[in-house]
Amino acid sequence: MCLLASIGVVGVGIALMVSAELGVAPADVLSTGGAERLDIGVGTMGWISGGVYTLLAIALRRPPQWGTLLGAVLVGVAVNLSLEAIPEPDELAWRVPMMLVGLALLYTAISVGVSTMLGTGPIELIMLGLADRGMNMQAARWLIEAVVFVGGVLLGGQIGIGTLLFVVLTGPVLARTLPPVARFMGTTVLDAPHGLDA
C-alpha cells in the first residue's frame, strides 16, 4: 500500500513541477526535453529513460524488484493523468507554491518508496549502488542529478529555479530522511535488496 501511494504521489509531484513551469527535477528535465523532441508525453518519455536507469542499476548490482518495474510504469501513467488535471497558471503567486509542494511531495514519496524495499525507483537504485561502493550517498545523488541534467539540457528540457533547488537539496534531504524513515518502517535501506530472481 505504501509503495502504491508513493508511486501516485511521485506522479502528482512531477506534474505539479511541470505545470508550475519554474523548472523540474533533472530526471524530468530529461523527460520534458525528450518528450518535446520525440513528440510524446512526459510520462511516456519517463518510461523510456526509466528503462535506461534500470539497466544501469543492474550493472551496479542493485537489480530491480517487481515493485520497481511496476512503479516505472505507474509513475508514467500518474504523470500523464495528473498533467491533464492540473492547471497551468500564469501568476507566480500560484506557480511558486505549486513548485514547492511538488518538491515536498517528491521527497516524501521517494523516502517512503525507497524505505519499503519493495520497489525502489531506478535512480535511487543507482544511488544506492554507488553508496554500496563507498561513495557518499549525498555525493552519489549529486553525480546522478548532474549527468541527467546535462542530458536534459542538451535535449532542450524545462529548467529553472525548481531544477536548482532539486539538485542542491535532494542529496542532503535524502541522506537525512531515508535512515529514519527506514527505521520507522523496519527496513534497512543500505542493505542490498534481492532482485527479481529472489
N, C-alpha and C. Protein backbone atom coordinates (compact mmCIF):
# COMPACT_ATOMS: atom_id res chain seq x y z
N MET A 1 0.82 -1.20 0.00
CA MET A 1 0.00 0.00 0.00
C MET A 1 0.86 1.27 0.00
N CYS A 2 1.90 1.25 0.86
CA CYS A 2 2.81 2.41 0.94
C CYS A 2 3.49 2.64 -0.40
N LEU A 3 3.88 1.55 -1.06
CA LEU A 3 4.56 1.67 -2.35
C LEU A 3 3.64 2.29 -3.39
N LEU A 4 2.40 1.79 -3.48
CA LEU A 4 1.47 2.31 -4.47
C LEU A 4 1.15 3.78 -4.20
N ALA A 5 0.99 4.12 -2.91
CA ALA A 5 0.72 5.51 -2.56
C ALA A 5 1.89 6.40 -2.96
N SER A 6 3.11 5.94 -2.70
CA SER A 6 4.28 6.76 -3.03
C SER A 6 4.43 6.94 -4.54
N ILE A 7 4.06 5.90 -5.31
CA ILE A 7 4.11 5.99 -6.77
C ILE A 7 3.15 7.08 -7.26
N GLY A 8 1.93 7.08 -6.72
CA GLY A 8 0.95 8.09 -7.10
C GLY A 8 1.40 9.49 -6.72
N VAL A 9 2.00 9.62 -5.53
CA VAL A 9 2.45 10.93 -5.05
C VAL A 9 3.61 11.44 -5.91
N VAL A 10 4.50 10.56 -6.34
CA VAL A 10 5.58 10.96 -7.23
C VAL A 10 5.00 11.54 -8.52
N GLY A 11 4.00 10.87 -9.08
CA GLY A 11 3.38 11.35 -10.32
C GLY A 11 2.77 12.73 -10.16
N VAL A 12 2.07 12.95 -9.04
CA VAL A 12 1.46 14.25 -8.78
C VAL A 12 2.55 15.31 -8.57
N GLY A 13 3.61 14.96 -7.82
CA GLY A 13 4.70 15.90 -7.57
C GLY A 13 5.39 16.34 -8.85
N ILE A 14 5.67 15.39 -9.73
CA ILE A 14 6.29 15.71 -11.01
C ILE A 14 5.37 16.62 -11.82
N ALA A 15 4.08 16.27 -11.87
CA ALA A 15 3.13 17.05 -12.66
C ALA A 15 3.00 18.48 -12.13
N LEU A 16 3.00 18.64 -10.82
CA LEU A 16 2.93 19.98 -10.24
C LEU A 16 4.12 20.82 -10.67
N MET A 17 5.31 20.23 -10.64
CA MET A 17 6.51 20.99 -11.03
C MET A 17 6.51 21.31 -12.52
N VAL A 18 6.06 20.36 -13.34
CA VAL A 18 5.98 20.61 -14.79
C VAL A 18 4.99 21.74 -15.06
N SER A 19 3.82 21.68 -14.41
CA SER A 19 2.77 22.68 -14.64
C SER A 19 3.16 24.06 -14.12
N ALA A 20 3.98 24.10 -13.05
CA ALA A 20 4.42 25.38 -12.50
C ALA A 20 5.36 26.11 -13.45
N GLU A 21 6.04 25.34 -14.32
CA GLU A 21 6.96 25.90 -15.31
C GLU A 21 8.05 26.77 -14.69
N LEU A 22 8.55 26.31 -13.53
CA LEU A 22 9.66 27.01 -12.87
C LEU A 22 10.88 26.10 -12.77
N GLY A 23 10.88 25.04 -13.54
CA GLY A 23 11.98 24.10 -13.51
C GLY A 23 11.56 22.81 -12.84
N VAL A 24 12.05 21.71 -13.37
CA VAL A 24 11.70 20.38 -12.85
C VAL A 24 12.97 19.67 -12.39
N ALA A 25 12.79 18.52 -11.74
CA ALA A 25 13.92 17.71 -11.31
C ALA A 25 14.75 17.30 -12.53
N PRO A 26 16.06 17.09 -12.36
CA PRO A 26 16.91 16.74 -13.51
C PRO A 26 16.39 15.58 -14.34
N ALA A 27 15.88 14.53 -13.70
CA ALA A 27 15.34 13.41 -14.46
C ALA A 27 14.17 13.86 -15.32
N ASP A 28 13.42 14.83 -14.81
CA ASP A 28 12.27 15.32 -15.55
C ASP A 28 12.68 16.37 -16.59
N VAL A 29 13.85 17.00 -16.39
CA VAL A 29 14.40 17.85 -17.46
C VAL A 29 14.65 16.97 -18.67
N LEU A 30 15.21 15.79 -18.41
CA LEU A 30 15.45 14.83 -19.48
C LEU A 30 14.13 14.39 -20.10
N SER A 31 13.13 14.12 -19.25
CA SER A 31 11.83 13.66 -19.76
C SER A 31 11.11 14.74 -20.55
N THR A 32 11.14 16.01 -20.06
CA THR A 32 10.46 17.08 -20.80
C THR A 32 11.17 17.36 -22.12
N GLY A 33 12.50 17.32 -22.10
CA GLY A 33 13.26 17.54 -23.34
C GLY A 33 13.05 16.42 -24.34
N GLY A 34 13.15 15.18 -23.85
CA GLY A 34 12.94 14.04 -24.74
C GLY A 34 11.53 13.98 -25.29
N ALA A 35 10.54 14.33 -24.43
CA ALA A 35 9.14 14.33 -24.87
C ALA A 35 8.92 15.35 -25.98
N GLU A 36 9.55 16.51 -25.81
CA GLU A 36 9.42 17.57 -26.83
C GLU A 36 10.04 17.14 -28.14
N ARG A 37 11.22 16.53 -28.06
CA ARG A 37 11.93 16.11 -29.27
C ARG A 37 11.21 14.99 -30.00
N LEU A 38 10.65 14.05 -29.22
CA LEU A 38 10.02 12.87 -29.82
C LEU A 38 8.52 13.03 -30.01
N ASP A 39 7.97 14.17 -29.53
CA ASP A 39 6.54 14.44 -29.63
C ASP A 39 5.72 13.35 -28.94
N ILE A 40 6.12 13.05 -27.70
CA ILE A 40 5.40 12.07 -26.88
C ILE A 40 5.12 12.70 -25.52
N GLY A 41 4.33 12.01 -24.68
CA GLY A 41 4.02 12.51 -23.35
C GLY A 41 5.24 12.49 -22.44
N VAL A 42 5.24 13.37 -21.44
CA VAL A 42 6.34 13.40 -20.47
C VAL A 42 6.43 12.08 -19.72
N GLY A 43 5.27 11.52 -19.34
CA GLY A 43 5.26 10.23 -18.66
C GLY A 43 5.78 9.11 -19.54
N THR A 44 5.46 9.18 -20.83
CA THR A 44 5.94 8.16 -21.78
C THR A 44 7.46 8.22 -21.91
N MET A 45 8.00 9.44 -21.97
CA MET A 45 9.45 9.59 -22.01
C MET A 45 10.06 9.07 -20.72
N GLY A 46 9.33 9.23 -19.62
CA GLY A 46 9.80 8.70 -18.34
C GLY A 46 9.95 7.19 -18.38
N TRP A 47 9.06 6.51 -19.11
CA TRP A 47 9.18 5.05 -19.24
C TRP A 47 10.48 4.69 -19.97
N ILE A 48 10.79 5.44 -21.01
CA ILE A 48 12.00 5.15 -21.79
C ILE A 48 13.25 5.36 -20.96
N SER A 49 13.34 6.54 -20.31
CA SER A 49 14.52 6.82 -19.50
C SER A 49 14.60 5.88 -18.31
N GLY A 50 13.45 5.51 -17.75
CA GLY A 50 13.44 4.57 -16.63
C GLY A 50 14.05 3.23 -16.99
N GLY A 51 13.83 2.80 -18.23
CA GLY A 51 14.43 1.55 -18.69
C GLY A 51 15.95 1.64 -18.72
N VAL A 52 16.46 2.80 -19.15
CA VAL A 52 17.91 3.00 -19.18
C VAL A 52 18.48 3.02 -17.77
N TYR A 53 17.80 3.73 -16.85
CA TYR A 53 18.27 3.79 -15.46
C TYR A 53 18.28 2.39 -14.83
N THR A 54 17.27 1.58 -15.16
CA THR A 54 17.19 0.23 -14.59
C THR A 54 18.37 -0.62 -15.05
N LEU A 55 18.75 -0.50 -16.31
CA LEU A 55 19.91 -1.24 -16.82
C LEU A 55 21.18 -0.82 -16.10
N LEU A 56 21.33 0.48 -15.83
CA LEU A 56 22.50 0.97 -15.09
C LEU A 56 22.50 0.43 -13.67
N ALA A 57 21.33 0.38 -13.04
CA ALA A 57 21.23 -0.15 -11.68
C ALA A 57 21.63 -1.62 -11.64
N ILE A 58 21.21 -2.38 -12.64
CA ILE A 58 21.59 -3.79 -12.72
C ILE A 58 23.10 -3.93 -12.83
N ALA A 59 23.71 -3.04 -13.63
CA ALA A 59 25.17 -3.07 -13.80
C ALA A 59 25.88 -2.79 -12.47
N LEU A 60 25.22 -2.02 -11.58
CA LEU A 60 25.79 -1.70 -10.26
C LEU A 60 25.38 -2.73 -9.20
N ARG A 61 24.78 -3.82 -9.64
CA ARG A 61 24.35 -4.92 -8.75
C ARG A 61 23.25 -4.50 -7.78
N ARG A 62 22.42 -3.61 -8.23
CA ARG A 62 21.20 -3.24 -7.49
C ARG A 62 20.02 -3.55 -8.42
N PRO A 63 19.72 -4.84 -8.58
CA PRO A 63 18.68 -5.23 -9.54
C PRO A 63 17.30 -4.75 -9.12
N PRO A 64 16.43 -4.56 -10.11
CA PRO A 64 15.07 -4.11 -9.79
C PRO A 64 14.24 -5.23 -9.17
N GLN A 65 13.25 -4.84 -8.41
CA GLN A 65 12.27 -5.78 -7.90
C GLN A 65 10.99 -5.56 -8.70
N TRP A 66 9.99 -6.40 -8.43
CA TRP A 66 8.73 -6.24 -9.17
C TRP A 66 8.15 -4.85 -8.95
N GLY A 67 8.29 -4.35 -7.74
CA GLY A 67 7.76 -3.02 -7.44
C GLY A 67 8.45 -1.93 -8.22
N THR A 68 9.74 -2.12 -8.52
CA THR A 68 10.49 -1.15 -9.33
C THR A 68 9.89 -1.05 -10.72
N LEU A 69 9.64 -2.21 -11.32
CA LEU A 69 9.10 -2.24 -12.67
C LEU A 69 7.65 -1.73 -12.69
N LEU A 70 6.89 -2.13 -11.67
CA LEU A 70 5.51 -1.64 -11.56
C LEU A 70 5.50 -0.12 -11.41
N GLY A 71 6.40 0.38 -10.57
CA GLY A 71 6.50 1.82 -10.36
C GLY A 71 6.89 2.56 -11.62
N ALA A 72 7.81 1.99 -12.39
CA ALA A 72 8.26 2.64 -13.62
C ALA A 72 7.10 2.85 -14.58
N VAL A 73 6.17 1.89 -14.63
CA VAL A 73 5.00 2.01 -15.50
C VAL A 73 3.97 2.97 -14.91
N LEU A 74 3.66 2.78 -13.61
CA LEU A 74 2.58 3.56 -13.00
C LEU A 74 2.93 5.03 -12.81
N VAL A 75 4.21 5.34 -12.57
CA VAL A 75 4.59 6.76 -12.43
C VAL A 75 4.30 7.49 -13.73
N GLY A 76 4.64 6.87 -14.85
CA GLY A 76 4.37 7.49 -16.15
C GLY A 76 2.88 7.74 -16.35
N VAL A 77 2.06 6.77 -15.96
CA VAL A 77 0.60 6.92 -16.06
C VAL A 77 0.14 8.05 -15.15
N ALA A 78 0.65 8.06 -13.89
CA ALA A 78 0.25 9.09 -12.92
C ALA A 78 0.63 10.49 -13.41
N VAL A 79 1.81 10.60 -14.02
CA VAL A 79 2.25 11.90 -14.53
C VAL A 79 1.33 12.37 -15.66
N ASN A 80 1.08 11.49 -16.62
CA ASN A 80 0.23 11.88 -17.76
C ASN A 80 -1.18 12.27 -17.32
N LEU A 81 -1.77 11.50 -16.38
CA LEU A 81 -3.11 11.80 -15.90
C LEU A 81 -3.14 13.09 -15.08
N SER A 82 -2.12 13.27 -14.25
CA SER A 82 -2.06 14.48 -13.41
C SER A 82 -1.88 15.73 -14.25
N LEU A 83 -1.06 15.64 -15.30
CA LEU A 83 -0.85 16.80 -16.17
C LEU A 83 -2.14 17.24 -16.85
N GLU A 84 -3.03 16.28 -17.12
CA GLU A 84 -4.30 16.63 -17.73
C GLU A 84 -5.22 17.36 -16.75
N ALA A 85 -5.05 17.04 -15.45
CA ALA A 85 -5.96 17.59 -14.43
C ALA A 85 -5.46 18.87 -13.78
N ILE A 86 -4.14 19.07 -13.76
CA ILE A 86 -3.58 20.23 -13.05
C ILE A 86 -3.50 21.43 -13.98
N PRO A 87 -4.02 22.58 -13.54
CA PRO A 87 -3.97 23.79 -14.38
C PRO A 87 -2.55 24.33 -14.50
N GLU A 88 -2.34 25.22 -15.47
CA GLU A 88 -1.05 25.87 -15.67
C GLU A 88 -1.23 27.37 -15.52
N PRO A 89 -1.24 27.87 -14.29
CA PRO A 89 -1.49 29.30 -14.06
C PRO A 89 -0.33 30.16 -14.54
N ASP A 90 -0.65 31.40 -14.86
CA ASP A 90 0.37 32.36 -15.27
C ASP A 90 0.99 33.10 -14.07
N GLU A 91 0.22 33.25 -13.00
CA GLU A 91 0.65 34.04 -11.86
C GLU A 91 1.69 33.31 -11.02
N LEU A 92 2.79 34.02 -10.71
CA LEU A 92 3.83 33.44 -9.84
C LEU A 92 3.28 33.09 -8.46
N ALA A 93 2.28 33.81 -8.02
CA ALA A 93 1.68 33.55 -6.71
C ALA A 93 1.12 32.14 -6.61
N TRP A 94 0.76 31.55 -7.74
CA TRP A 94 0.30 30.16 -7.78
C TRP A 94 1.43 29.21 -8.16
N ARG A 95 2.27 29.64 -9.08
CA ARG A 95 3.30 28.74 -9.61
C ARG A 95 4.37 28.39 -8.58
N VAL A 96 4.78 29.36 -7.75
CA VAL A 96 5.81 29.08 -6.73
C VAL A 96 5.31 28.04 -5.71
N PRO A 97 4.10 28.21 -5.14
CA PRO A 97 3.61 27.18 -4.23
C PRO A 97 3.47 25.81 -4.90
N MET A 98 3.05 25.80 -6.17
CA MET A 98 2.94 24.52 -6.88
C MET A 98 4.30 23.83 -6.96
N MET A 99 5.33 24.60 -7.27
CA MET A 99 6.68 24.05 -7.35
C MET A 99 7.13 23.50 -6.00
N LEU A 100 6.91 24.27 -4.93
CA LEU A 100 7.35 23.87 -3.60
C LEU A 100 6.59 22.64 -3.09
N VAL A 101 5.29 22.60 -3.35
CA VAL A 101 4.51 21.42 -2.97
C VAL A 101 4.97 20.20 -3.76
N GLY A 102 5.25 20.43 -5.05
CA GLY A 102 5.77 19.33 -5.88
C GLY A 102 7.06 18.76 -5.32
N LEU A 103 7.99 19.65 -4.92
CA LEU A 103 9.25 19.20 -4.31
C LEU A 103 9.00 18.40 -3.04
N ALA A 104 8.14 18.93 -2.16
CA ALA A 104 7.86 18.25 -0.89
C ALA A 104 7.25 16.87 -1.13
N LEU A 105 6.32 16.79 -2.09
CA LEU A 105 5.70 15.50 -2.40
C LEU A 105 6.73 14.51 -2.93
N LEU A 106 7.63 14.98 -3.78
CA LEU A 106 8.66 14.09 -4.32
C LEU A 106 9.57 13.55 -3.23
N TYR A 107 10.03 14.42 -2.33
CA TYR A 107 10.92 13.97 -1.25
C TYR A 107 10.21 12.98 -0.32
N THR A 108 8.96 13.26 -0.01
CA THR A 108 8.20 12.36 0.86
C THR A 108 8.02 11.00 0.19
N ALA A 109 7.60 11.02 -1.06
CA ALA A 109 7.34 9.78 -1.78
C ALA A 109 8.61 8.97 -2.00
N ILE A 110 9.71 9.63 -2.32
CA ILE A 110 10.98 8.91 -2.52
C ILE A 110 11.42 8.26 -1.22
N SER A 111 11.34 8.98 -0.12
CA SER A 111 11.78 8.44 1.17
C SER A 111 10.95 7.22 1.56
N VAL A 112 9.63 7.31 1.38
CA VAL A 112 8.76 6.19 1.73
C VAL A 112 8.95 5.04 0.76
N GLY A 113 8.97 5.36 -0.55
CA GLY A 113 9.11 4.32 -1.56
C GLY A 113 10.40 3.53 -1.42
N VAL A 114 11.51 4.22 -1.21
CA VAL A 114 12.80 3.54 -1.04
C VAL A 114 12.78 2.70 0.23
N SER A 115 12.20 3.23 1.28
CA SER A 115 12.22 2.55 2.58
C SER A 115 11.34 1.31 2.63
N THR A 116 10.38 1.18 1.71
CA THR A 116 9.56 -0.03 1.70
C THR A 116 10.40 -1.24 1.28
N MET A 117 11.48 -0.99 0.53
CA MET A 117 12.34 -2.05 -0.01
C MET A 117 11.57 -2.98 -0.95
N LEU A 118 10.41 -2.53 -1.42
CA LEU A 118 9.59 -3.36 -2.30
C LEU A 118 9.76 -2.99 -3.76
N GLY A 119 10.28 -1.82 -4.00
CA GLY A 119 10.40 -1.40 -5.38
C GLY A 119 11.02 -0.04 -5.50
N THR A 120 12.23 0.07 -5.01
CA THR A 120 12.96 1.33 -5.07
C THR A 120 13.08 1.78 -6.52
N GLY A 121 12.90 3.08 -6.76
CA GLY A 121 12.99 3.62 -8.12
C GLY A 121 14.37 3.40 -8.72
N PRO A 122 14.46 3.35 -10.05
CA PRO A 122 15.73 3.05 -10.70
C PRO A 122 16.84 4.05 -10.40
N ILE A 123 16.52 5.35 -10.31
CA ILE A 123 17.55 6.34 -9.99
C ILE A 123 18.04 6.13 -8.56
N GLU A 124 17.11 5.81 -7.66
CA GLU A 124 17.51 5.55 -6.27
C GLU A 124 18.35 4.27 -6.17
N LEU A 125 18.05 3.28 -7.04
CA LEU A 125 18.86 2.06 -7.07
C LEU A 125 20.30 2.39 -7.50
N ILE A 126 20.44 3.28 -8.48
CA ILE A 126 21.77 3.69 -8.90
C ILE A 126 22.49 4.39 -7.75
N MET A 127 21.78 5.28 -7.05
CA MET A 127 22.35 5.98 -5.90
C MET A 127 22.82 5.00 -4.84
N LEU A 128 21.99 4.00 -4.53
CA LEU A 128 22.34 3.02 -3.51
C LEU A 128 23.49 2.13 -3.99
N GLY A 129 23.50 1.83 -5.31
CA GLY A 129 24.59 1.03 -5.86
C GLY A 129 25.92 1.74 -5.74
N LEU A 130 25.94 3.04 -5.97
CA LEU A 130 27.17 3.82 -5.80
C LEU A 130 27.55 3.90 -4.32
N ALA A 131 26.54 4.01 -3.44
CA ALA A 131 26.82 4.03 -1.99
C ALA A 131 27.40 2.70 -1.54
N ASP A 132 26.94 1.59 -2.14
CA ASP A 132 27.50 0.26 -1.83
C ASP A 132 28.99 0.21 -2.13
N ARG A 133 29.44 1.01 -3.08
CA ARG A 133 30.84 1.01 -3.50
C ARG A 133 31.65 2.08 -2.77
N GLY A 134 31.08 2.64 -1.72
CA GLY A 134 31.84 3.55 -0.88
C GLY A 134 31.61 5.02 -1.13
N MET A 135 30.78 5.36 -2.13
CA MET A 135 30.53 6.77 -2.39
C MET A 135 29.51 7.30 -1.38
N ASN A 136 29.74 8.49 -0.90
CA ASN A 136 28.79 9.16 -0.01
C ASN A 136 27.44 9.26 -0.73
N MET A 137 26.33 8.95 -0.02
CA MET A 137 25.02 8.94 -0.65
C MET A 137 24.66 10.31 -1.24
N GLN A 138 25.01 11.35 -0.52
CA GLN A 138 24.72 12.71 -0.98
C GLN A 138 25.50 13.00 -2.26
N ALA A 139 26.78 12.63 -2.29
CA ALA A 139 27.61 12.86 -3.47
C ALA A 139 27.12 12.02 -4.65
N ALA A 140 26.70 10.78 -4.35
CA ALA A 140 26.19 9.90 -5.40
C ALA A 140 24.96 10.51 -6.06
N ARG A 141 24.07 11.06 -5.24
CA ARG A 141 22.85 11.66 -5.80
C ARG A 141 23.18 12.88 -6.64
N TRP A 142 24.12 13.69 -6.15
CA TRP A 142 24.51 14.88 -6.91
C TRP A 142 25.11 14.49 -8.26
N LEU A 143 25.93 13.44 -8.28
CA LEU A 143 26.54 12.98 -9.53
C LEU A 143 25.47 12.55 -10.53
N ILE A 144 24.53 11.76 -10.05
CA ILE A 144 23.45 11.28 -10.92
C ILE A 144 22.65 12.46 -11.48
N GLU A 145 22.27 13.38 -10.57
CA GLU A 145 21.47 14.52 -10.99
C GLU A 145 22.21 15.37 -12.03
N ALA A 146 23.52 15.53 -11.84
CA ALA A 146 24.32 16.35 -12.76
C ALA A 146 24.35 15.72 -14.15
N VAL A 147 24.58 14.41 -14.21
CA VAL A 147 24.67 13.73 -15.50
C VAL A 147 23.32 13.79 -16.24
N VAL A 148 22.24 13.50 -15.51
CA VAL A 148 20.91 13.51 -16.12
C VAL A 148 20.52 14.93 -16.54
N PHE A 149 20.89 15.91 -15.71
CA PHE A 149 20.58 17.31 -16.00
C PHE A 149 21.23 17.75 -17.31
N VAL A 150 22.51 17.43 -17.48
CA VAL A 150 23.22 17.81 -18.71
C VAL A 150 22.54 17.20 -19.93
N GLY A 151 22.16 15.91 -19.81
CA GLY A 151 21.45 15.27 -20.92
C GLY A 151 20.14 15.97 -21.23
N GLY A 152 19.40 16.35 -20.16
CA GLY A 152 18.13 17.04 -20.35
C GLY A 152 18.29 18.40 -20.99
N VAL A 153 19.33 19.14 -20.57
CA VAL A 153 19.58 20.47 -21.15
C VAL A 153 19.90 20.34 -22.63
N LEU A 154 20.70 19.34 -22.98
CA LEU A 154 21.05 19.14 -24.39
C LEU A 154 19.82 18.83 -25.24
N LEU A 155 18.79 18.24 -24.61
CA LEU A 155 17.55 17.93 -25.33
C LEU A 155 16.56 19.09 -25.29
N GLY A 156 16.91 20.16 -24.57
CA GLY A 156 16.03 21.32 -24.50
C GLY A 156 14.94 21.20 -23.45
N GLY A 157 15.21 20.43 -22.38
CA GLY A 157 14.22 20.23 -21.33
C GLY A 157 13.97 21.48 -20.49
N GLN A 158 12.90 21.41 -19.68
CA GLN A 158 12.47 22.54 -18.85
C GLN A 158 13.40 22.70 -17.65
N ILE A 159 14.03 23.87 -17.53
CA ILE A 159 14.91 24.14 -16.39
C ILE A 159 14.51 25.46 -15.74
N GLY A 160 14.90 25.61 -14.49
CA GLY A 160 14.58 26.84 -13.77
C GLY A 160 14.99 26.71 -12.31
N ILE A 161 14.45 27.56 -11.47
CA ILE A 161 14.81 27.56 -10.05
C ILE A 161 14.43 26.24 -9.39
N GLY A 162 13.36 25.61 -9.84
CA GLY A 162 12.96 24.31 -9.29
C GLY A 162 14.01 23.25 -9.53
N THR A 163 14.66 23.33 -10.69
CA THR A 163 15.73 22.38 -11.01
C THR A 163 16.91 22.58 -10.07
N LEU A 164 17.29 23.83 -9.88
CA LEU A 164 18.41 24.14 -8.99
C LEU A 164 18.11 23.68 -7.56
N LEU A 165 16.91 23.96 -7.07
CA LEU A 165 16.54 23.55 -5.72
C LEU A 165 16.60 22.03 -5.58
N PHE A 166 16.09 21.32 -6.59
CA PHE A 166 16.10 19.86 -6.52
C PHE A 166 17.53 19.32 -6.48
N VAL A 167 18.39 19.87 -7.34
CA VAL A 167 19.78 19.40 -7.39
C VAL A 167 20.50 19.65 -6.06
N VAL A 168 20.33 20.84 -5.51
CA VAL A 168 21.04 21.21 -4.29
C VAL A 168 20.48 20.48 -3.06
N LEU A 169 19.17 20.33 -3.00
CA LEU A 169 18.54 19.81 -1.79
C LEU A 169 18.39 18.29 -1.72
N THR A 170 18.30 17.62 -2.86
CA THR A 170 17.94 16.20 -2.85
C THR A 170 18.95 15.34 -2.10
N GLY A 171 20.23 15.53 -2.38
CA GLY A 171 21.25 14.73 -1.67
C GLY A 171 21.15 14.88 -0.16
N PRO A 172 21.23 16.12 0.36
CA PRO A 172 21.13 16.32 1.81
C PRO A 172 19.80 15.85 2.39
N VAL A 173 18.69 16.11 1.69
CA VAL A 173 17.38 15.71 2.22
C VAL A 173 17.29 14.19 2.34
N LEU A 174 17.63 13.47 1.26
CA LEU A 174 17.52 12.01 1.30
C LEU A 174 18.52 11.38 2.27
N ALA A 175 19.70 11.97 2.38
CA ALA A 175 20.69 11.44 3.33
C ALA A 175 20.16 11.53 4.76
N ARG A 176 19.29 12.50 5.02
CA ARG A 176 18.75 12.69 6.37
C ARG A 176 17.39 12.03 6.57
N THR A 177 16.62 11.85 5.49
CA THR A 177 15.28 11.28 5.68
C THR A 177 15.24 9.76 5.51
N LEU A 178 16.07 9.22 4.63
CA LEU A 178 15.99 7.78 4.38
C LEU A 178 16.27 6.93 5.62
N PRO A 179 17.37 7.16 6.36
CA PRO A 179 17.62 6.29 7.52
C PRO A 179 16.50 6.29 8.57
N PRO A 180 15.98 7.47 9.00
CA PRO A 180 14.91 7.41 10.00
C PRO A 180 13.60 6.82 9.46
N VAL A 181 13.26 7.11 8.21
CA VAL A 181 12.04 6.54 7.64
C VAL A 181 12.18 5.03 7.53
N ALA A 182 13.36 4.57 7.12
CA ALA A 182 13.60 3.12 7.03
C ALA A 182 13.51 2.46 8.39
N ARG A 183 14.09 3.11 9.41
CA ARG A 183 14.00 2.56 10.77
C ARG A 183 12.55 2.48 11.22
N PHE A 184 11.77 3.52 10.94
CA PHE A 184 10.37 3.55 11.31
C PHE A 184 9.60 2.41 10.65
N MET A 185 9.97 2.12 9.39
CA MET A 185 9.27 1.07 8.65
C MET A 185 9.88 -0.31 8.87
N GLY A 186 10.97 -0.36 9.64
CA GLY A 186 11.59 -1.64 9.97
C GLY A 186 12.41 -2.24 8.85
N THR A 187 12.95 -1.39 7.98
CA THR A 187 13.80 -1.88 6.89
C THR A 187 15.18 -1.23 6.99
N THR A 188 16.12 -1.75 6.20
CA THR A 188 17.47 -1.20 6.18
C THR A 188 17.81 -0.81 4.76
N VAL A 189 17.75 0.46 4.46
CA VAL A 189 17.92 0.97 3.10
C VAL A 189 19.26 0.58 2.50
N LEU A 190 20.30 0.62 3.27
CA LEU A 190 21.63 0.42 2.71
C LEU A 190 22.02 -1.05 2.56
N ASP A 191 21.16 -1.98 2.97
CA ASP A 191 21.39 -3.39 2.67
C ASP A 191 20.87 -3.68 1.29
N ALA A 192 21.70 -4.28 0.44
CA ALA A 192 21.31 -4.53 -0.93
C ALA A 192 20.12 -5.48 -0.98
N PRO A 193 19.04 -5.13 -1.69
CA PRO A 193 17.89 -6.00 -1.81
C PRO A 193 18.09 -7.05 -2.86
N HIS A 194 17.27 -8.09 -2.80
CA HIS A 194 17.30 -9.13 -3.84
C HIS A 194 16.55 -8.63 -5.05
N GLY A 195 16.91 -9.17 -6.20
CA GLY A 195 16.25 -8.75 -7.42
C GLY A 195 15.05 -9.63 -7.76
N LEU A 196 14.74 -9.70 -9.04
CA LEU A 196 13.55 -10.41 -9.50
C LEU A 196 13.65 -11.91 -9.27
N ASP A 197 14.86 -12.42 -9.18
CA ASP A 197 15.02 -13.87 -9.05
C ASP A 197 14.98 -14.32 -7.59
N ALA A 198 14.68 -13.38 -6.65
CA ALA A 198 14.65 -13.73 -5.23
C ALA A 198 13.44 -14.62 -4.93
